[in-house]
Amino acid sequence: MIKFGELNTLKPFDWFLIIGVISVNFIYSILEKEVDLIGSLAGVTGLICVVLVAKGNILNYLFGVINVSLYAWISYKASLYGDAGLNAFYYLPMQFIGWYSWVGKRKHEESVTVKAKRMDSKERLFLSLFSFISVALIAWILDIFEDPQPIKDASTTVLSVIAMFLMVRRYMEQWLLWVVVNIISVVIWVIAFTRGESHSALMVIMWLFYLANSVNGWVTWVRLSQNGSE
């Protein structure tokens, strides 16, 4: 049986992000005079998930299952089929894979904190080249199929897939990719908001908080990975 001790690993900045996204959702509901339950739940669970990932906390996967399921549905309704498929067919199963991968790599038997790793110079160079070539290749394919924004779509999809893999493998370099993905995602949902897509305003807010957390995640994982090599 899996046991966890010392569940609260959150710092003041982490609570700022969580309380901040809840407050913004509440204010948004008041201003719009309606409660966007699905969008709010997706935003809050998603932010809690990534905050816990930034802390190396295995419980992030519990919130991740809820978030990616709702986000897949929201993206599908907004005709963002790439994001919908990415969340439904990659992120969702990776929540379960990540859980089982992290369970055996915690600091000690009842810890919620995972032992992080970092790449050496050659691995980082390979990661950079692989990411660039993969994005260029997928963008070229999307352009053939007349995707209106092939580079942007390829970047978010490819880098998200790679970053999620690095997350499950516990590499701190995931956060560099998440920063890029979060910036591009903010732009995507701002465009969706200008088109009047439902839930889009809350998605902009969610991705802005994600961006702040990804920077915090990099700083935290630098520390976690100092003694995390195997």
C-alpha atoms as a PDB file:
ATOM      1  CA  MET A   1       0.000   0.000   0.000  1.00  0.00           C
ATOM      2  CA  ILE A   2       1.315   3.452  -0.953  1.00  0.00           C
ATOM      3  CA  LYS A   3       1.656   5.857   1.971  1.00  0.00           C
ATOM      4  CA  PHE A   4       2.425   9.563   1.913  1.00  0.00           C
ATOM      5  CA  GLY A   5       3.701  11.787   4.690  1.00  0.00           C
ATOM      6  CA  GLU A   6       4.264  15.546   4.899  1.00  0.00           C
ATOM      7  CA  LEU A   7       1.739  16.290   2.155  1.00  0.00           C
ATOM      8  CA  ASN A   8       2.126  20.076   2.307  1.00  0.00           C
ATOM      9  CA  THR A   9       5.282  20.955   0.382  1.00  0.00           C
ATOM     10  CA  LEU A  10       3.923  24.289  -0.882  1.00  0.00           C
ATOM     11  CA  LYS A  11       5.637  27.644  -0.378  1.00  0.00           C
ATOM     12  CA  PRO A  12       4.069  31.160  -0.238  1.00  0.00           C
ATOM     13  CA  PHE A  13       4.522  31.705  -4.004  1.00  0.00           C
ATOM     14  CA  ASP A  14       2.760  28.406  -4.712  1.00  0.00           C
ATOM     15  CA  TRP A  15      -0.187  29.447  -2.569  1.00  0.00           C
ATOM     16  CA  PHE A  16      -0.168  32.833  -4.316  1.00  0.00           C
ATOM     17  CA  LEU A  17      -0.615  31.102  -7.670  1.00  0.00           C
ATOM     18  CA  ILE A  18      -3.362  28.767  -6.441  1.00  0.00           C
ATOM     19  CA  ILE A  19      -5.310  31.443  -4.551  1.00  0.00           C
ATOM     20  CA  GLY A  20      -4.715  33.841  -7.426  1.00  0.00           C
ATOM     21  CA  VAL A  21      -6.262  31.607 -10.094  1.00  0.00           C
ATOM     22  CA  ILE A  22      -9.228  30.807  -7.820  1.00  0.00           C
ATOM     23  CA  SER A  23      -9.769  34.520  -7.123  1.00  0.00           C
ATOM     24  CA  VAL A  24      -9.533  35.463 -10.794  1.00  0.00           C
ATOM     25  CA  ASN A  25     -12.074  32.789 -11.708  1.00  0.00           C
ATOM     26  CA  PHE A  26     -14.411  34.085  -8.993  1.00  0.00           C
ATOM     27  CA  ILE A  27     -14.068  37.698 -10.170  1.00  0.00           C
ATOM     28  CA  TYR A  28     -14.569  36.634 -13.778  1.00  0.00           C
ATOM     29  CA  SER A  29     -17.820  34.867 -12.832  1.00  0.00           C
ATOM     30  CA  ILE A  30     -19.095  38.013 -11.100  1.00  0.00           C
ATOM     31  CA  LEU A  31     -18.225  40.267 -14.033  1.00  0.00           C
ATOM     32  CA  GLU A  32     -19.780  37.907 -16.572  1.00  0.00           C
ATOM     33  CA  LYS A  33     -22.780  37.261 -14.277  1.00  0.00           C
ATOM     34  CA  GLU A  34     -22.479  33.542 -14.886  1.00  0.00           C
ATOM     35  CA  VAL A  35     -20.397  30.678 -13.581  1.00  0.00           C
ATOM     36  CA  ASP A  36     -18.231  28.907 -16.131  1.00  0.00           C
ATOM     37  CA  LEU A  37     -17.978  25.720 -14.075  1.00  0.00           C
ATOM     38  CA  ILE A  38     -16.077  23.639 -16.631  1.00  0.00           C
ATOM     39  CA  GLY A  39     -13.611  26.399 -17.493  1.00  0.00           C
ATOM     40  CA  SER A  40     -13.047  27.297 -13.841  1.00  0.00           C
ATOM     41  CA  LEU A  41     -12.546  23.693 -12.776  1.00  0.00           C
ATOM     42  CA  ALA A  42     -10.119  23.120 -15.657  1.00  0.00           C
ATOM     43  CA  GLY A  43      -8.170  26.243 -14.754  1.00  0.00           C
ATOM     44  CA  VAL A  44      -7.963  25.570 -11.021  1.00  0.00           C
ATOM     45  CA  THR A  45      -7.100  21.866 -11.248  1.00  0.00           C
ATOM     46  CA  GLY A  46      -4.588  22.589 -13.991  1.00  0.00           C
ATOM     47  CA  LEU A  47      -2.834  25.239 -11.944  1.00  0.00           C
ATOM     48  CA  ILE A  48      -2.752  23.042  -8.834  1.00  0.00           C
ATOM     49  CA  CYS A  49      -1.338  20.248 -10.975  1.00  0.00           C
ATOM     50  CA  VAL A  50       1.537  22.265 -12.420  1.00  0.00           C
ATOM     51  CA  VAL A  51       2.299  23.880  -9.062  1.00  0.00           C
ATOM     52  CA  LEU A  52       2.709  20.403  -7.586  1.00  0.00           C
ATOM     53  CA  VAL A  53       4.837  19.347 -10.565  1.00  0.00           C
ATOM     54  CA  ALA A  54       7.070  22.349  -9.900  1.00  0.00           C
ATOM     55  CA  LYS A  55       7.513  21.077  -6.341  1.00  0.00           C
ATOM     56  CA  GLY A  56       8.278  17.564  -7.577  1.00  0.00           C
ATOM     57  CA  ASN A  57       5.112  16.407  -5.787  1.00  0.00           C
ATOM     58  CA  ILE A  58       3.679  13.116  -7.074  1.00  0.00           C
ATOM     59  CA  LEU A  59       0.122  14.144  -6.159  1.00  0.00           C
ATOM     60  CA  ASN A  60       0.112  16.398  -9.232  1.00  0.00           C
ATOM     61  CA  TYR A  61      -1.131  13.455 -11.294  1.00  0.00           C
ATOM     62  CA  LEU A  62      -4.420  13.289  -9.381  1.00  0.00           C
ATOM     63  CA  PHE A  63      -5.280  16.837 -10.430  1.00  0.00           C
ATOM     64  CA  GLY A  64      -3.769  16.278 -13.859  1.00  0.00           C
ATOM     65  CA  VAL A  65      -6.318  13.616 -14.762  1.00  0.00           C
ATOM     66  CA  ILE A  66      -9.165  16.054 -14.122  1.00  0.00           C
ATOM     67  CA  ASN A  67      -7.484  18.949 -15.897  1.00  0.00           C
ATOM     68  CA  VAL A  68      -6.491  17.224 -19.131  1.00  0.00           C
ATOM     69  CA  SER A  69      -9.906  15.582 -19.454  1.00  0.00           C
ATOM     70  CA  LEU A  70     -11.718  18.914 -19.174  1.00  0.00           C
ATOM     71  CA  TYR A  71      -9.180  20.740 -21.324  1.00  0.00           C
ATOM     72  CA  ALA A  72      -9.584  18.163 -24.081  1.00  0.00           C
ATOM     73  CA  TRP A  73     -13.326  18.831 -24.105  1.00  0.00           C
ATOM     74  CA  ILE A  74     -12.903  22.626 -24.065  1.00  0.00           C
ATOM     75  CA  SER A  75     -10.375  22.500 -26.894  1.00  0.00           C
ATOM     76  CA  TYR A  76     -12.646  20.260 -28.949  1.00  0.00           C
ATOM     77  CA  LYS A  77     -15.536  22.710 -28.564  1.00  0.00           C
ATOM     78  CA  ALA A  78     -13.227  25.567 -29.629  1.00  0.00           C
ATOM     79  CA  SER A  79     -12.218  23.572 -32.766  1.00  0.00           C
ATOM     80  CA  LEU A  80      -8.644  23.314 -31.477  1.00  0.00           C
ATOM     81  CA  TYR A  81      -8.497  19.670 -32.501  1.00  0.00           C
ATOM     82  CA  GLY A  82      -4.738  19.375 -32.118  1.00  0.00           C
ATOM     83  CA  ASP A  83      -4.913  20.439 -28.472  1.00  0.00           C
ATOM     84  CA  ALA A  84      -7.959  18.230 -27.913  1.00  0.00           C
ATOM     85  CA  GLY A  85      -6.210  15.163 -29.308  1.00  0.00           C
ATOM     86  CA  LEU A  86      -2.974  15.932 -27.477  1.00  0.00           C
ATOM     87  CA  ASN A  87      -4.754  16.056 -24.140  1.00  0.00           C
ATOM     88  CA  ALA A  88      -7.089  13.104 -24.695  1.00  0.00           C
ATOM     89  CA  PHE A  89      -4.677  10.662 -26.298  1.00  0.00           C
ATOM     90  CA  TYR A  90      -1.298  11.655 -24.843  1.00  0.00           C
ATOM     91  CA  TYR A  91      -1.539  13.760 -21.676  1.00  0.00           C
ATOM     92  CA  LEU A  92      -4.304  11.658 -20.130  1.00  0.00           C
ATOM     93  CA  PRO A  93      -2.582   8.249 -20.351  1.00  0.00           C
ATOM     94  CA  MET A  94       0.714   9.898 -19.373  1.00  0.00           C
ATOM     95  CA  GLN A  95      -0.841  10.894 -16.041  1.00  0.00           C
ATOM     96  CA  PHE A  96      -1.065   7.225 -15.100  1.00  0.00           C
ATOM     97  CA  ILE A  97       2.336   6.363 -16.555  1.00  0.00           C
ATOM     98  CA  GLY A  98       3.893   9.275 -14.674  1.00  0.00           C
ATOM     99  CA  TRP A  99       2.274   8.231 -11.392  1.00  0.00           C
ATOM    100  CA  TYR A 100       3.719   4.741 -11.523  1.00  0.00           C
ATOM    101  CA  SER A 101       7.074   6.056 -12.703  1.00  0.00           C
ATOM    102  CA  TRP A 102       7.355   8.565  -9.838  1.00  0.00           C
ATOM    103  CA  VAL A 103       6.104   6.253  -7.088  1.00  0.00           C
ATOM    104  CA  GLY A 104       9.328   4.260  -7.086  1.00  0.00           C
ATOM    105  CA  LYS A 105      11.581   7.306  -7.425  1.00  0.00           C
ATOM    106  CA  ARG A 106      10.612   9.305  -4.350  1.00  0.00           C
ATOM    107  CA  LYS A 107      13.127  10.631  -1.830  1.00  0.00           C
ATOM    108  CA  HIS A 108      11.974   8.027   0.680  1.00  0.00           C
ATOM    109  CA  GLU A 109       9.142   5.528   1.076  1.00  0.00           C
ATOM    110  CA  GLU A 110       6.470   7.954   2.360  1.00  0.00           C
ATOM    111  CA  SER A 111       7.690  11.087   0.581  1.00  0.00           C
ATOM    112  CA  VAL A 112       5.546  12.957  -1.951  1.00  0.00           C
ATOM    113  CA  THR A 113       8.657  14.525  -3.493  1.00  0.00           C
ATOM    114  CA  VAL A 114      10.384  12.844  -6.409  1.00  0.00           C
ATOM    115  CA  LYS A 115      14.140  12.660  -7.008  1.00  0.00           C
ATOM    116  CA  ALA A 116      14.827  14.899 -10.023  1.00  0.00           C
ATOM    117  CA  LYS A 117      17.557  14.515 -12.659  1.00  0.00           C
ATOM    118  CA  ARG A 118      19.395  16.843 -15.021  1.00  0.00           C
ATOM    119  CA  MET A 119      20.970  16.331 -18.426  1.00  0.00           C
ATOM    120  CA  ASP A 120      24.622  16.755 -19.275  1.00  0.00           C
ATOM    121  CA  SER A 121      25.821  19.103 -22.043  1.00  0.00           C
ATOM    122  CA  LYS A 122      25.630  16.495 -24.806  1.00  0.00           C
ATOM    123  CA  GLU A 123      22.091  15.485 -23.826  1.00  0.00           C
ATOM    124  CA  ARG A 124      20.971  19.113 -23.808  1.00  0.00           C
ATOM    125  CA  LEU A 125      22.465  19.654 -27.246  1.00  0.00           C
ATOM    126  CA  PHE A 126      20.672  16.571 -28.533  1.00  0.00           C
ATOM    127  CA  LEU A 127      17.419  17.775 -26.943  1.00  0.00           C
ATOM    128  CA  SER A 128      17.766  21.175 -28.627  1.00  0.00           C
ATOM    129  CA  LEU A 129      18.492  19.717 -32.057  1.00  0.00           C
ATOM    130  CA  PHE A 130      15.781  17.067 -31.766  1.00  0.00           C
ATOM    131  CA  SER A 131      13.194  19.653 -30.687  1.00  0.00           C
ATOM    132  CA  PHE A 132      14.116  22.047 -33.514  1.00  0.00           C
ATOM    133  CA  ILE A 133      14.115  19.375 -36.212  1.00  0.00           C
ATOM    134  CA  SER A 134      10.861  17.837 -34.946  1.00  0.00           C
ATOM    135  CA  VAL A 135       9.060  21.190 -34.870  1.00  0.00           C
ATOM    136  CA  ALA A 136      10.334  22.041 -38.375  1.00  0.00           C
ATOM    137  CA  LEU A 137       9.242  18.654 -39.753  1.00  0.00           C
ATOM    138  CA  ILE A 138       5.754  18.755 -38.237  1.00  0.00           C
ATOM    139  CA  ALA A 139       5.300  22.389 -39.305  1.00  0.00           C
ATOM    140  CA  TRP A 140       6.201  21.391 -42.881  1.00  0.00           C
ATOM    141  CA  ILE A 141       3.642  18.566 -42.792  1.00  0.00           C
ATOM    142  CA  LEU A 142       0.950  20.846 -41.356  1.00  0.00           C
ATOM    143  CA  ASP A 143       1.694  23.426 -44.029  1.00  0.00           C
ATOM    144  CA  ILE A 144       1.134  20.778 -46.705  1.00  0.00           C
ATOM    145  CA  PHE A 145      -2.304  20.183 -45.180  1.00  0.00           C
ATOM    146  CA  GLU A 146      -2.908  23.965 -45.265  1.00  0.00           C
ATOM    147  CA  ASP A 147      -2.795  24.553 -41.521  1.00  0.00           C
ATOM    148  CA  PRO A 148      -3.194  28.358 -41.134  1.00  0.00           C
ATOM    149  CA  GLN A 149      -0.544  28.544 -38.384  1.00  0.00           C
ATOM    150  CA  PRO A 150       1.748  25.539 -38.907  1.00  0.00           C
ATOM    151  CA  ILE A 151       4.749  26.775 -36.907  1.00  0.00           C
ATOM    152  CA  LYS A 152       2.704  27.723 -33.866  1.00  0.00           C
ATOM    153  CA  ASP A 153       0.664  24.519 -33.908  1.00  0.00           C
ATOM    154  CA  ALA A 154       3.744  22.365 -34.457  1.00  0.00           C
ATOM    155  CA  SER A 155       5.636  24.104 -31.671  1.00  0.00           C
ATOM    156  CA  THR A 156       2.975  23.618 -28.998  1.00  0.00           C
ATOM    157  CA  THR A 157       2.280  20.015 -29.962  1.00  0.00           C
ATOM    158  CA  VAL A 158       5.853  18.778 -30.398  1.00  0.00           C
ATOM    159  CA  LEU A 159       7.357  20.637 -27.448  1.00  0.00           C
ATOM    160  CA  SER A 160       4.488  19.556 -25.178  1.00  0.00           C
ATOM    161  CA  VAL A 161       5.000  15.917 -26.109  1.00  0.00           C
ATOM    162  CA  ILE A 162       8.735  16.154 -25.437  1.00  0.00           C
ATOM    163  CA  ALA A 163       8.290  18.129 -22.210  1.00  0.00           C
ATOM    164  CA  MET A 164       5.741  15.650 -20.870  1.00  0.00           C
ATOM    165  CA  PHE A 165       8.124  12.789 -21.595  1.00  0.00           C
ATOM    166  CA  LEU A 166      10.912  14.627 -19.753  1.00  0.00           C
ATOM    167  CA  MET A 167       8.542  15.253 -16.857  1.00  0.00           C
ATOM    168  CA  VAL A 168       7.732  11.557 -16.487  1.00  0.00           C
ATOM    169  CA  ARG A 169      11.471  10.822 -16.719  1.00  0.00           C
ATOM    170  CA  ARG A 170      12.086  13.484 -14.012  1.00  0.00           C
ATOM    171  CA  TYR A 171      14.400  15.779 -15.991  1.00  0.00           C
ATOM    172  CA  MET A 172      14.539  19.432 -14.963  1.00  0.00           C
ATOM    173  CA  GLU A 173      15.052  20.510 -18.605  1.00  0.00           C
ATOM    174  CA  GLN A 174      11.311  19.990 -19.117  1.00  0.00           C
ATOM    175  CA  TRP A 175      10.767  23.484 -17.718  1.00  0.00           C
ATOM    176  CA  LEU A 176      12.595  25.250 -20.536  1.00  0.00           C
ATOM    177  CA  LEU A 177      10.178  23.653 -22.985  1.00  0.00           C
ATOM    178  CA  TRP A 178       7.152  24.411 -20.790  1.00  0.00           C
ATOM    179  CA  VAL A 179       8.058  28.109 -20.769  1.00  0.00           C
ATOM    180  CA  VAL A 180       7.988  28.181 -24.582  1.00  0.00           C
ATOM    181  CA  VAL A 181       4.754  26.160 -24.755  1.00  0.00           C
ATOM    182  CA  ASN A 182       3.052  28.398 -22.192  1.00  0.00           C
ATOM    183  CA  ILE A 183       3.950  31.588 -24.053  1.00  0.00           C
ATOM    184  CA  ILE A 184       2.617  30.221 -27.330  1.00  0.00           C
ATOM    185  CA  SER A 185      -0.537  28.896 -25.628  1.00  0.00           C
ATOM    186  CA  VAL A 186      -1.298  32.326 -24.196  1.00  0.00           C
ATOM    187  CA  VAL A 187      -1.168  33.731 -27.729  1.00  0.00           C
ATOM    188  CA  ILE A 188      -3.431  30.947 -29.054  1.00  0.00           C
ATOM    189  CA  TRP A 189      -6.127  31.547 -26.450  1.00  0.00           C
ATOM    190  CA  VAL A 190      -5.938  35.346 -26.792  1.00  0.00           C
ATOM    191  CA  ILE A 191      -6.746  34.847 -30.471  1.00  0.00           C
ATOM    192  CA  ALA A 192      -9.579  32.464 -29.510  1.00  0.00           C
ATOM    193  CA  PHE A 193     -10.902  35.108 -27.094  1.00  0.00           C
ATOM    194  CA  THR A 194     -11.001  37.748 -29.835  1.00  0.00           C
ATOM    195  CA  ARG A 195     -13.115  35.301 -31.839  1.00  0.00           C
ATOM    196  CA  GLY A 196     -15.593  34.935 -28.986  1.00  0.00           C
ATOM    197  CA  GLU A 197     -14.843  31.290 -28.143  1.00  0.00           C
ATOM    198  CA  SER A 198     -16.441  30.047 -24.906  1.00  0.00           C
ATOM    199  CA  HIS A 199     -14.117  29.462 -21.943  1.00  0.00           C
ATOM    200  CA  SER A 200     -11.288  31.295 -23.781  1.00  0.00           C
ATOM    201  CA  ALA A 201     -10.867  34.123 -21.235  1.00  0.00           C
ATOM    202  CA  LEU A 202     -10.364  31.640 -18.437  1.00  0.00           C
ATOM    203  CA  MET A 203      -7.916  29.688 -20.574  1.00  0.00           C
ATOM    204  CA  VAL A 204      -5.830  32.857 -21.113  1.00  0.00           C
ATOM    205  CA  ILE A 205      -5.738  33.356 -17.352  1.00  0.00           C
ATOM    206  CA  MET A 206      -4.842  29.708 -16.770  1.00  0.00           C
ATOM    207  CA  TRP A 207      -1.912  29.801 -19.215  1.00  0.00           C
ATOM    208  CA  LEU A 208      -0.556  33.046 -17.748  1.00  0.00           C
ATOM    209  CA  PHE A 209      -0.436  31.374 -14.337  1.00  0.00           C
ATOM    210  CA  TYR A 210       1.166  28.338 -15.977  1.00  0.00           C
ATOM    211  CA  LEU A 211       3.869  30.602 -17.389  1.00  0.00           C
ATOM    212  CA  ALA A 212       4.663  32.059 -13.971  1.00  0.00           C
ATOM    213  CA  ASN A 213       4.751  28.578 -12.491  1.00  0.00           C
ATOM    214  CA  SER A 214       7.060  27.219 -15.210  1.00  0.00           C
ATOM    215  CA  VAL A 215       9.693  29.788 -14.277  1.00  0.00           C
ATOM    216  CA  ASN A 216       9.266  28.837 -10.624  1.00  0.00           C
ATOM    217  CA  GLY A 217       9.454  25.162 -11.608  1.00  0.00           C
ATOM    218  CA  TRP A 218      12.826  25.631 -13.285  1.00  0.00           C
ATOM    219  CA  VAL A 219      14.252  27.302 -10.168  1.00  0.00           C
ATOM    220  CA  THR A 220      12.873  24.576  -7.887  1.00  0.00           C
ATOM    221  CA  TRP A 221      14.032  21.660 -10.043  1.00  0.00           C
ATOM    222  CA  VAL A 222      17.545  23.048 -10.279  1.00  0.00           C
ATOM    223  CA  ARG A 223      17.682  22.468  -6.528  1.00  0.00           C
ATOM    224  CA  LEU A 224      15.836  19.122  -6.610  1.00  0.00           C
ATOM    225  CA  SER A 225      18.174  17.736  -9.275  1.00  0.00           C
ATOM    226  CA  GLN A 226      21.415  18.661  -7.530  1.00  0.00           C
ATOM    227  CA  ASN A 227      21.550  15.279  -5.835  1.00  0.00           C
ATOM    228  CA  GLY A 228      19.058  13.475  -8.031  1.00  0.00           C
ATOM    229  CA  SER A 229      21.394  11.761 -10.463  1.00  0.00           C
ATOM    230  CA  GLU A 230      21.239   7.990 -10.659  1.00  0.00           C
END
